[in-house]
C-alpha cells in the first residue's frame, strides 16, 4: 500500500467502477467525483492510513504499551484531549496515579 501511496499517478485515471471495486474489496467508502478523479482516492488512502495509526496508538495506551503522556505526545495533543478522544472512539483510558 505504501508503494501505491508514494506514487499517486496510479490513481489519476480511475473510473467509478474501479473505485466501487476498491470500496467493495477493502470495505472503504471512498466517494467518487468525476472532476477530482483519482485525487480523492489518494486522500482516502492517506486518511485510512492515519486512522489506523491513531487506533494503534489508542490501543497501545489502553493496553499499557504506551503511557497516556506518550500517546498524547505522538498525536500532538494533551493527555486530557487523548482521554476524551479515546473514550469517544470506544477505548478505555487507563487510570494512572
Protein backbone atom coordinates (compact mmCIF):
# COMPACT_ATOMS: atom_id res chain seq x y z
CA UNK A 1 0.00 0.00 0.00
CA UNK A 2 2.84 2.40 0.81
CA UNK A 3 4.24 1.92 -2.68
CA UNK A 4 0.87 2.93 -4.13
CA UNK A 5 0.60 5.94 -1.82
CA UNK A 6 4.06 7.15 -2.77
CA UNK A 7 3.11 7.20 -6.46
CA UNK A 8 -0.31 8.88 -6.69
CA UNK A 9 -0.19 8.77 -10.50
CA UNK A 10 -1.53 5.21 -10.28
CA UNK A 11 -4.88 6.65 -9.24
CA UNK A 12 -5.17 9.53 -11.67
CA UNK A 13 -7.31 7.66 -14.20
CA UNK A 14 -9.60 5.58 -12.01
CA UNK A 15 -13.21 5.44 -13.08
CA UNK A 16 -16.25 4.97 -10.88
CA UNK A 17 -16.28 1.18 -11.45
CA UNK A 18 -12.70 0.87 -10.21
CA UNK A 19 -13.44 2.92 -7.11
CA UNK A 20 -16.57 0.86 -6.50
CA UNK A 21 -14.44 -2.31 -6.65
CA UNK A 22 -11.90 -0.83 -4.21
CA UNK A 23 -14.72 0.02 -1.81
CA UNK A 24 -16.18 -3.47 -2.09
CA UNK A 25 -12.95 -5.38 -1.56
CA UNK A 26 -11.42 -3.15 1.10
CA UNK A 27 -14.58 -2.16 2.94
CA UNK A 28 -13.85 1.52 2.39
CA UNK A 29 -16.26 4.28 1.48
CA UNK A 30 -14.24 6.31 -0.99
CA UNK A 31 -16.54 8.80 -2.73
CA UNK A 32 -16.12 9.39 -6.43
CA UNK A 33 -16.19 12.76 -8.08
CA UNK A 34 -15.63 12.94 -11.85
CA UNK A 35 -13.79 16.26 -11.61
CA UNK A 36 -11.40 15.07 -8.88
CA UNK A 37 -10.86 11.58 -10.26
CA UNK A 38 -8.04 9.75 -8.56
CA UNK A 39 -7.04 12.64 -6.30
CA UNK A 40 -9.82 11.77 -3.90
CA UNK A 41 -8.62 8.16 -3.80
CA UNK A 42 -5.16 9.29 -2.71
CA UNK A 43 -6.69 11.40 0.06
CA UNK A 44 -8.86 8.48 1.15
CA UNK A 45 -5.79 6.21 1.36
CA UNK A 46 -3.98 8.83 3.43
CA UNK A 47 -7.00 9.24 5.72
CA UNK A 48 -7.28 5.47 6.15
CA UNK A 49 -3.58 5.18 6.99
CA UNK A 50 -3.80 7.98 9.58
CA UNK A 51 -6.94 6.46 11.09
CA UNK A 52 -5.12 3.16 11.55
CA UNK A 53 -2.18 4.95 13.15
CA UNK A 54 -4.45 6.71 15.63
CA UNK A 55 -6.26 3.48 16.52
CA UNK A 56 -2.93 1.74 17.09
CA UNK A 57 -1.89 4.50 19.50
CA UNK A 58 -5.23 4.28 21.35
CA UNK A 59 -4.85 0.52 21.60
CA UNK A 60 -1.26 0.83 22.84
CA UNK A 61 -2.32 3.29 25.55
CA UNK A 62 -5.28 1.12 26.56
CA UNK A 63 -3.06 -1.97 26.79
CA UNK A 64 -0.34 -0.15 28.73
CA UNK A 65 2.28 -0.34 25.98
CA UNK A 66 2.39 3.48 25.92
CA UNK A 67 1.72 5.80 28.83
CA UNK A 68 -1.10 8.27 28.22
CA UNK A 69 1.52 11.01 28.08
CA UNK A 70 3.45 9.17 25.35
CA UNK A 71 0.29 8.52 23.34
CA UNK A 72 -0.71 12.17 23.59
CA UNK A 73 2.79 13.22 22.57
CA UNK A 74 2.66 11.00 19.47
CA UNK A 75 -0.65 12.65 18.46
CA UNK A 76 0.48 16.17 19.43
CA UNK A 77 -2.44 16.65 21.82
CA UNK A 78 -2.87 16.99 25.59
CA UNK A 79 -3.44 14.00 27.84
CA UNK A 80 -6.92 15.36 28.59
CA UNK A 81 -7.73 15.50 24.86
CA UNK A 82 -6.30 11.99 24.46
CA UNK A 83 -8.63 10.68 27.18
CA UNK A 84 -11.64 12.39 25.58
CA UNK A 85 -10.87 11.09 22.08
CA UNK A 86 -10.15 7.55 23.27
CA UNK A 87 -13.43 7.35 25.16
CA UNK A 88 -15.34 8.76 22.17
CA UNK A 89 -13.74 6.06 20.00
CA UNK A 90 -14.75 3.31 22.45
CA UNK A 91 -11.35 2.75 24.06
CA UNK A 92 -10.72 2.50 27.79
CA UNK A 93 -8.39 5.18 29.12
CA UNK A 94 -6.10 3.72 31.80
CA UNK A 95 -6.04 5.25 35.26
CA UNK A 96 -2.56 6.24 36.37
CA UNK A 97 -1.75 7.63 39.79
